[in-house]
Amino acid sequence: MSENKESKKPEKKPAEKKPDITFFHPDLLQVPENGDPPYLTGYRCKSCGNLDFPKPTICLNCWGEEFEVVPLSRKGVLYSVSDIFIGQAGMKTPYIFGYIDLPENLRILAQLQGEPGTYKCDDQVELTVGPIRMNRDGLPIISYMFRKAAN
């Protein structure tokens, strides 16, 4: 006598959505836990003294591979600015980007805090931290940005 057994297949669970682990490299921005203001991290070549941001794989000046960490100035001068009205996915439009000249003779690209039309070249700006876009889970990605400097 044979038993009529139903073959039980394990129930398929719906695939769990993997969390969005998008982040900005911690070598760019330091936010001290003691309440001190945030700062960008520069990298000075130990061979020739060339300063870079972000950290290069090798020194673009001498091909050196060893760097020392240097806190960069929190204030700079806006070199150029662009108001963006049609942007990439995850970024609420409009938003503003600009190149900022730091006193260390570095020019960096960053998002600017505020409304379009409120910045002009040569404005004094200062580093701040805020949401720069949303990840695929709808949560804000926090990173560095600049705002108008307090006089």
N, C-alpha and C. Protein backbone atom coordinates (compact mmCIF):
# COMPACT_ATOMS: atom_id res chain seq x y z
N MET A 1 0.82 -1.16 0.00
CA MET A 1 0.00 0.00 0.00
C MET A 1 0.87 1.24 0.00
N SER A 2 0.58 2.07 -0.90
CA SER A 2 1.37 3.30 -0.95
C SER A 2 0.55 4.44 -0.39
N GLU A 3 1.25 5.27 0.33
CA GLU A 3 0.58 6.44 0.91
C GLU A 3 0.63 7.57 -0.10
N ASN A 4 -0.44 8.26 -0.16
CA ASN A 4 -0.50 9.40 -1.04
C ASN A 4 -0.07 10.64 -0.25
N LYS A 5 1.18 10.96 -0.38
CA LYS A 5 1.69 12.11 0.36
C LYS A 5 1.76 13.30 -0.58
N GLU A 6 1.26 14.40 -0.06
CA GLU A 6 1.40 15.64 -0.83
C GLU A 6 2.82 16.15 -0.62
N SER A 7 3.43 16.51 -1.70
CA SER A 7 4.77 17.05 -1.53
C SER A 7 4.65 18.50 -1.06
N LYS A 8 5.25 18.71 0.08
CA LYS A 8 5.18 20.06 0.64
C LYS A 8 6.43 20.82 0.22
N LYS A 9 6.20 21.87 -0.51
CA LYS A 9 7.29 22.75 -0.89
C LYS A 9 7.36 23.86 0.14
N PRO A 10 8.57 24.25 0.47
CA PRO A 10 8.66 25.36 1.42
C PRO A 10 8.06 26.61 0.81
N GLU A 11 7.36 27.37 1.66
CA GLU A 11 6.73 28.60 1.18
C GLU A 11 7.81 29.58 0.80
N LYS A 12 7.60 30.20 -0.32
CA LYS A 12 8.54 31.23 -0.75
C LYS A 12 8.19 32.53 -0.06
N LYS A 13 9.18 33.08 0.63
CA LYS A 13 8.98 34.38 1.25
C LYS A 13 9.29 35.44 0.21
N PRO A 14 8.59 36.54 0.28
CA PRO A 14 8.94 37.61 -0.65
C PRO A 14 10.37 38.07 -0.38
N ALA A 15 11.07 38.37 -1.42
CA ALA A 15 12.46 38.82 -1.27
C ALA A 15 12.49 40.09 -0.44
N GLU A 16 13.33 40.06 0.57
CA GLU A 16 13.46 41.24 1.41
C GLU A 16 14.25 42.29 0.66
N LYS A 17 13.79 43.52 0.79
CA LYS A 17 14.49 44.62 0.15
C LYS A 17 15.76 44.91 0.94
N LYS A 18 16.86 44.88 0.23
CA LYS A 18 18.13 45.19 0.89
C LYS A 18 18.15 46.68 1.21
N PRO A 19 18.64 47.04 2.39
CA PRO A 19 18.68 48.46 2.72
C PRO A 19 19.68 49.19 1.84
N ASP A 20 19.37 50.44 1.56
CA ASP A 20 20.27 51.28 0.77
C ASP A 20 21.42 51.69 1.69
N ILE A 21 22.61 51.24 1.37
CA ILE A 21 23.75 51.56 2.23
C ILE A 21 24.62 52.64 1.59
N THR A 22 24.00 53.44 0.71
CA THR A 22 24.73 54.52 0.09
C THR A 22 25.24 55.47 1.17
N PHE A 23 26.49 55.84 1.06
CA PHE A 23 27.06 56.79 2.02
C PHE A 23 28.19 57.54 1.34
N PHE A 24 28.57 58.61 1.96
CA PHE A 24 29.71 59.36 1.44
C PHE A 24 30.92 59.01 2.26
N HIS A 25 32.02 58.79 1.59
CA HIS A 25 33.23 58.28 2.21
C HIS A 25 33.63 59.12 3.41
N PRO A 26 33.91 58.48 4.54
CA PRO A 26 34.25 59.23 5.76
C PRO A 26 35.57 59.99 5.65
N ASP A 27 36.36 59.73 4.62
CA ASP A 27 37.61 60.48 4.45
C ASP A 27 37.36 61.90 3.95
N LEU A 28 36.14 62.24 3.59
CA LEU A 28 35.83 63.58 3.09
C LEU A 28 35.48 64.56 4.20
N LEU A 29 34.69 64.11 5.14
CA LEU A 29 34.07 65.00 6.13
C LEU A 29 34.23 64.44 7.52
N GLN A 30 34.61 65.31 8.46
CA GLN A 30 34.69 64.92 9.86
C GLN A 30 33.68 65.77 10.64
N VAL A 31 32.87 65.10 11.45
CA VAL A 31 31.92 65.79 12.32
C VAL A 31 32.28 65.39 13.74
N PRO A 32 33.05 66.24 14.44
CA PRO A 32 33.50 65.89 15.79
C PRO A 32 32.32 65.66 16.72
N GLU A 33 32.45 64.64 17.57
CA GLU A 33 31.38 64.30 18.51
C GLU A 33 31.34 65.26 19.70
N ASN A 34 32.40 66.04 19.89
CA ASN A 34 32.46 66.94 21.04
C ASN A 34 31.74 68.26 20.79
N GLY A 35 31.09 68.41 19.65
CA GLY A 35 30.35 69.63 19.36
C GLY A 35 31.13 70.66 18.55
N ASP A 36 32.42 70.41 18.30
CA ASP A 36 33.19 71.31 17.45
C ASP A 36 32.59 71.30 16.05
N PRO A 37 32.80 72.37 15.29
CA PRO A 37 32.21 72.42 13.94
C PRO A 37 32.80 71.36 13.01
N PRO A 38 32.04 70.94 12.02
CA PRO A 38 32.54 69.95 11.06
C PRO A 38 33.62 70.57 10.18
N TYR A 39 34.43 69.72 9.57
CA TYR A 39 35.46 70.20 8.65
C TYR A 39 35.72 69.15 7.59
N LEU A 40 36.19 69.62 6.44
CA LEU A 40 36.60 68.73 5.36
C LEU A 40 38.02 68.29 5.62
N THR A 41 38.35 67.11 5.13
CA THR A 41 39.65 66.51 5.36
C THR A 41 40.50 66.60 4.10
N GLY A 42 41.61 67.34 4.21
CA GLY A 42 42.58 67.42 3.11
C GLY A 42 43.68 66.40 3.34
N TYR A 43 44.44 66.12 2.30
CA TYR A 43 45.53 65.14 2.38
C TYR A 43 46.79 65.74 1.78
N ARG A 44 47.81 65.91 2.64
CA ARG A 44 49.08 66.49 2.22
C ARG A 44 50.08 65.37 1.98
N CYS A 45 50.68 65.37 0.79
CA CYS A 45 51.68 64.37 0.42
C CYS A 45 52.89 64.51 1.34
N LYS A 46 53.34 63.42 1.91
CA LYS A 46 54.50 63.45 2.80
C LYS A 46 55.80 63.62 2.04
N SER A 47 55.79 63.37 0.73
CA SER A 47 57.00 63.52 -0.07
C SER A 47 57.21 64.95 -0.57
N CYS A 48 56.16 65.56 -1.13
CA CYS A 48 56.33 66.87 -1.76
C CYS A 48 55.51 67.99 -1.13
N GLY A 49 54.57 67.65 -0.25
CA GLY A 49 53.77 68.67 0.41
C GLY A 49 52.53 69.10 -0.35
N ASN A 50 52.26 68.52 -1.51
CA ASN A 50 51.08 68.86 -2.28
C ASN A 50 49.82 68.51 -1.49
N LEU A 51 48.84 69.42 -1.47
CA LEU A 51 47.59 69.22 -0.73
C LEU A 51 46.47 68.89 -1.70
N ASP A 52 45.67 67.85 -1.39
CA ASP A 52 44.57 67.42 -2.25
C ASP A 52 43.29 67.23 -1.45
N PHE A 53 42.18 67.34 -2.14
CA PHE A 53 40.85 66.97 -1.66
C PHE A 53 40.05 66.58 -2.88
N PRO A 54 39.42 65.41 -2.87
CA PRO A 54 39.50 64.34 -1.87
C PRO A 54 40.82 63.61 -1.94
N LYS A 55 40.97 62.61 -1.08
CA LYS A 55 42.22 61.86 -1.00
C LYS A 55 42.50 61.13 -2.31
N PRO A 56 43.67 61.40 -2.91
CA PRO A 56 44.02 60.67 -4.13
C PRO A 56 44.65 59.32 -3.80
N THR A 57 44.69 58.45 -4.76
CA THR A 57 45.37 57.17 -4.58
C THR A 57 46.87 57.38 -4.52
N ILE A 58 47.36 58.23 -5.43
CA ILE A 58 48.77 58.63 -5.42
C ILE A 58 48.81 60.15 -5.57
N CYS A 59 49.89 60.76 -5.14
CA CYS A 59 50.07 62.20 -5.30
C CYS A 59 50.16 62.51 -6.78
N LEU A 60 49.37 63.46 -7.22
CA LEU A 60 49.36 63.82 -8.64
C LEU A 60 50.57 64.66 -9.02
N ASN A 61 51.34 65.09 -8.01
CA ASN A 61 52.51 65.91 -8.25
C ASN A 61 53.79 65.07 -8.34
N CYS A 62 53.96 64.11 -7.39
CA CYS A 62 55.23 63.37 -7.33
C CYS A 62 55.05 61.85 -7.31
N TRP A 63 53.83 61.39 -7.34
CA TRP A 63 53.49 59.97 -7.29
C TRP A 63 53.71 59.36 -5.91
N GLY A 64 53.86 60.18 -4.90
CA GLY A 64 53.99 59.68 -3.53
C GLY A 64 52.73 58.96 -3.11
N GLU A 65 52.86 58.06 -2.15
CA GLU A 65 51.71 57.26 -1.71
C GLU A 65 51.37 57.45 -0.24
N GLU A 66 52.11 58.32 0.46
CA GLU A 66 51.83 58.54 1.88
C GLU A 66 51.34 59.96 2.08
N PHE A 67 50.27 60.10 2.88
CA PHE A 67 49.64 61.38 3.10
C PHE A 67 49.41 61.61 4.58
N GLU A 68 49.42 62.89 4.96
CA GLU A 68 49.00 63.24 6.31
C GLU A 68 47.67 63.96 6.21
N VAL A 69 46.81 63.76 7.21
CA VAL A 69 45.49 64.36 7.24
C VAL A 69 45.62 65.81 7.68
N VAL A 70 44.95 66.71 6.96
CA VAL A 70 44.98 68.14 7.26
C VAL A 70 43.54 68.65 7.30
N PRO A 71 43.09 69.22 8.43
CA PRO A 71 41.76 69.84 8.44
C PRO A 71 41.76 71.06 7.53
N LEU A 72 40.77 71.15 6.67
CA LEU A 72 40.68 72.28 5.74
C LEU A 72 39.87 73.42 6.37
N SER A 73 40.07 74.62 5.84
CA SER A 73 39.33 75.79 6.31
C SER A 73 37.84 75.57 6.13
N ARG A 74 37.07 76.13 7.03
CA ARG A 74 35.62 76.01 6.98
C ARG A 74 34.99 77.09 6.11
N LYS A 75 35.77 78.14 5.78
CA LYS A 75 35.23 79.24 4.98
C LYS A 75 35.98 79.34 3.66
N GLY A 76 35.26 79.80 2.65
CA GLY A 76 35.85 79.98 1.34
C GLY A 76 35.10 81.02 0.55
N VAL A 77 35.47 81.15 -0.72
CA VAL A 77 34.87 82.12 -1.62
C VAL A 77 34.26 81.36 -2.80
N LEU A 78 33.03 81.73 -3.12
CA LEU A 78 32.32 81.07 -4.21
C LEU A 78 32.92 81.50 -5.55
N TYR A 79 33.48 80.55 -6.28
CA TYR A 79 34.11 80.81 -7.58
C TYR A 79 33.06 80.85 -8.70
N SER A 80 32.15 79.87 -8.68
CA SER A 80 31.07 79.83 -9.67
C SER A 80 29.87 79.14 -9.04
N VAL A 81 28.70 79.38 -9.62
CA VAL A 81 27.47 78.83 -9.06
C VAL A 81 26.51 78.46 -10.19
N SER A 82 25.76 77.37 -9.98
CA SER A 82 24.73 76.93 -10.93
C SER A 82 23.47 76.56 -10.19
N ASP A 83 22.35 77.16 -10.60
CA ASP A 83 21.04 76.78 -10.08
C ASP A 83 20.52 75.66 -10.96
N ILE A 84 20.13 74.55 -10.34
CA ILE A 84 19.69 73.36 -11.07
C ILE A 84 18.17 73.21 -10.91
N PHE A 85 17.46 73.24 -12.03
CA PHE A 85 16.00 73.13 -11.98
C PHE A 85 15.50 71.77 -12.45
N ILE A 86 16.28 71.07 -13.25
CA ILE A 86 15.95 69.72 -13.68
C ILE A 86 17.14 68.87 -13.26
N GLY A 87 16.95 68.04 -12.24
CA GLY A 87 18.08 67.33 -11.65
C GLY A 87 17.96 65.83 -11.74
N GLN A 88 18.88 65.20 -11.05
CA GLN A 88 18.92 63.74 -11.05
C GLN A 88 17.92 63.16 -10.06
N ALA A 89 17.61 61.90 -10.24
CA ALA A 89 16.67 61.20 -9.36
C ALA A 89 17.17 61.25 -7.92
N GLY A 90 16.26 61.44 -6.99
CA GLY A 90 16.60 61.47 -5.58
C GLY A 90 16.94 62.85 -5.05
N MET A 91 17.05 63.81 -5.95
CA MET A 91 17.37 65.16 -5.53
C MET A 91 16.17 66.06 -5.81
N LYS A 92 15.71 66.70 -4.76
CA LYS A 92 14.57 67.61 -4.89
C LYS A 92 15.03 68.87 -5.60
N THR A 93 14.35 69.21 -6.67
CA THR A 93 14.72 70.43 -7.40
C THR A 93 13.87 71.58 -6.91
N PRO A 94 14.32 72.79 -7.04
CA PRO A 94 15.64 73.18 -7.51
C PRO A 94 16.69 73.03 -6.40
N TYR A 95 17.96 72.95 -6.82
CA TYR A 95 19.07 72.95 -5.89
C TYR A 95 20.23 73.70 -6.52
N ILE A 96 21.26 73.92 -5.73
CA ILE A 96 22.36 74.79 -6.16
C ILE A 96 23.69 74.07 -5.96
N PHE A 97 24.57 74.17 -6.96
CA PHE A 97 25.94 73.67 -6.84
C PHE A 97 26.90 74.81 -7.11
N GLY A 98 28.07 74.73 -6.52
CA GLY A 98 29.07 75.75 -6.79
C GLY A 98 30.47 75.22 -6.56
N TYR A 99 31.44 75.91 -7.15
CA TYR A 99 32.84 75.66 -6.86
C TYR A 99 33.28 76.67 -5.82
N ILE A 100 33.92 76.18 -4.78
CA ILE A 100 34.37 77.02 -3.68
C ILE A 100 35.88 77.00 -3.64
N ASP A 101 36.49 78.20 -3.58
CA ASP A 101 37.93 78.33 -3.42
C ASP A 101 38.24 78.43 -1.93
N LEU A 102 39.03 77.48 -1.44
CA LEU A 102 39.45 77.51 -0.04
C LEU A 102 40.80 78.21 0.07
N PRO A 103 41.14 78.77 1.23
CA PRO A 103 42.43 79.46 1.41
C PRO A 103 43.64 78.56 1.16
N GLU A 104 43.46 77.26 1.25
CA GLU A 104 44.57 76.31 1.03
C GLU A 104 44.89 76.12 -0.45
N ASN A 105 44.33 76.98 -1.31
CA ASN A 105 44.53 76.90 -2.75
C ASN A 105 43.90 75.63 -3.34
N LEU A 106 42.74 75.27 -2.81
CA LEU A 106 41.95 74.14 -3.31
C LEU A 106 40.61 74.68 -3.81
N ARG A 107 40.12 74.13 -4.90
CA ARG A 107 38.78 74.45 -5.40
C ARG A 107 37.97 73.18 -5.35
N ILE A 108 36.86 73.23 -4.63
CA ILE A 108 36.04 72.03 -4.47
C ILE A 108 34.61 72.29 -4.94
N LEU A 109 33.96 71.24 -5.41
CA LEU A 109 32.57 71.30 -5.83
C LEU A 109 31.70 70.88 -4.66
N ALA A 110 30.64 71.64 -4.42
CA ALA A 110 29.74 71.29 -3.31
C ALA A 110 28.34 71.83 -3.59
N GLN A 111 27.38 71.20 -2.93
CA GLN A 111 26.02 71.69 -2.97
C GLN A 111 25.93 72.89 -2.03
N LEU A 112 25.09 73.86 -2.39
CA LEU A 112 24.92 75.06 -1.58
C LEU A 112 23.53 75.04 -0.95
N GLN A 113 23.46 75.50 0.28
CA GLN A 113 22.20 75.52 1.03
C GLN A 113 21.49 76.83 0.71
N GLY A 114 20.21 76.74 0.38
CA GLY A 114 19.44 77.96 0.13
C GLY A 114 18.60 77.85 -1.12
N GLU A 115 18.12 79.00 -1.54
CA GLU A 115 17.22 79.08 -2.70
C GLU A 115 17.98 79.54 -3.94
N PRO A 116 17.57 79.06 -5.12
CA PRO A 116 18.20 79.52 -6.36
C PRO A 116 18.11 81.05 -6.47
N GLY A 117 19.13 81.62 -7.08
CA GLY A 117 19.15 83.06 -7.28
C GLY A 117 19.69 83.84 -6.10
N THR A 118 20.09 83.14 -5.03
CA THR A 118 20.55 83.85 -3.83
C THR A 118 22.07 83.92 -3.71
N TYR A 119 22.79 83.28 -4.62
CA TYR A 119 24.26 83.30 -4.58
C TYR A 119 24.81 83.99 -5.82
N LYS A 120 25.99 84.58 -5.65
CA LYS A 120 26.72 85.14 -6.79
C LYS A 120 28.21 84.88 -6.57
N CYS A 121 28.96 84.92 -7.65
CA CYS A 121 30.39 84.70 -7.55
C CYS A 121 31.00 85.68 -6.55
N ASP A 122 32.01 85.22 -5.85
CA ASP A 122 32.74 85.98 -4.83
C ASP A 122 32.01 86.08 -3.49
N ASP A 123 30.84 85.44 -3.34
CA ASP A 123 30.20 85.38 -2.03
C ASP A 123 31.08 84.60 -1.06
N GLN A 124 31.10 85.03 0.19
CA GLN A 124 31.78 84.29 1.24
C GLN A 124 30.84 83.16 1.68
N VAL A 125 31.36 81.93 1.76
CA VAL A 125 30.56 80.78 2.17
C VAL A 125 31.28 80.03 3.27
N GLU A 126 30.50 79.23 4.00
CA GLU A 126 31.08 78.42 5.07
C GLU A 126 30.49 77.02 5.04
N LEU A 127 31.28 76.08 5.53
CA LEU A 127 30.89 74.68 5.55
C LEU A 127 29.76 74.43 6.53
N THR A 128 28.84 73.59 6.14
CA THR A 128 27.79 73.10 7.03
C THR A 128 27.50 71.66 6.65
N VAL A 129 26.61 71.03 7.37
CA VAL A 129 26.23 69.65 7.10
C VAL A 129 24.72 69.62 6.94
N GLY A 130 24.25 68.86 5.95
CA GLY A 130 22.82 68.77 5.73
C GLY A 130 22.48 67.70 4.72
N PRO A 131 21.17 67.51 4.49
CA PRO A 131 20.75 66.50 3.51
C PRO A 131 21.03 66.99 2.10
N ILE A 132 21.74 66.16 1.33
CA ILE A 132 22.07 66.55 -0.04
C ILE A 132 21.19 65.84 -1.07
N ARG A 133 20.56 64.76 -0.66
CA ARG A 133 19.64 64.02 -1.54
C ARG A 133 18.97 62.93 -0.72
N MET A 134 18.08 62.18 -1.35
CA MET A 134 17.40 61.07 -0.69
C MET A 134 17.96 59.77 -1.25
N ASN A 135 18.08 58.74 -0.40
CA ASN A 135 18.51 57.44 -0.91
C ASN A 135 17.30 56.72 -1.49
N ARG A 136 17.49 55.52 -1.98
CA ARG A 136 16.39 54.82 -2.65
C ARG A 136 15.29 54.39 -1.69
N ASP A 137 15.56 54.46 -0.38
CA ASP A 137 14.54 54.16 0.62
C ASP A 137 13.80 55.42 1.07
N GLY A 138 14.12 56.55 0.46
CA GLY A 138 13.45 57.79 0.81
C GLY A 138 14.01 58.47 2.04
N LEU A 139 15.18 58.05 2.48
CA LEU A 139 15.80 58.65 3.66
C LEU A 139 16.89 59.62 3.23
N PRO A 140 17.10 60.69 3.99
CA PRO A 140 18.10 61.68 3.58
C PRO A 140 19.53 61.16 3.73
N ILE A 141 20.36 61.52 2.75
CA ILE A 141 21.79 61.27 2.83
C ILE A 141 22.42 62.58 3.29
N ILE A 142 23.10 62.53 4.41
CA ILE A 142 23.70 63.71 5.01
C ILE A 142 25.16 63.80 4.60
N SER A 143 25.59 64.98 4.18
CA SER A 143 26.98 65.18 3.81
C SER A 143 27.31 66.66 3.94
N TYR A 144 28.48 67.03 3.42
CA TYR A 144 28.89 68.42 3.50
C TYR A 144 28.20 69.25 2.43
N MET A 145 27.98 70.50 2.74
CA MET A 145 27.48 71.49 1.82
C MET A 145 27.95 72.84 2.35
N PHE A 146 27.72 73.89 1.60
CA PHE A 146 28.13 75.22 2.04
C PHE A 146 26.90 76.11 2.07
N ARG A 147 26.99 77.17 2.90
CA ARG A 147 25.94 78.18 3.01
C ARG A 147 26.63 79.54 3.04
N LYS A 148 25.83 80.60 2.92
CA LYS A 148 26.40 81.94 3.01
C LYS A 148 27.05 82.10 4.39
N ALA A 149 28.22 82.71 4.39
CA ALA A 149 28.95 82.87 5.65
C ALA A 149 28.32 83.99 6.48
N ALA A 150 28.28 83.76 7.78
CA ALA A 150 27.82 84.80 8.70
C ALA A 150 28.89 85.88 8.75
N ASN A 151 28.47 87.12 8.72
CA ASN A 151 29.45 88.22 8.72
C ASN A 151 30.13 88.34 10.03
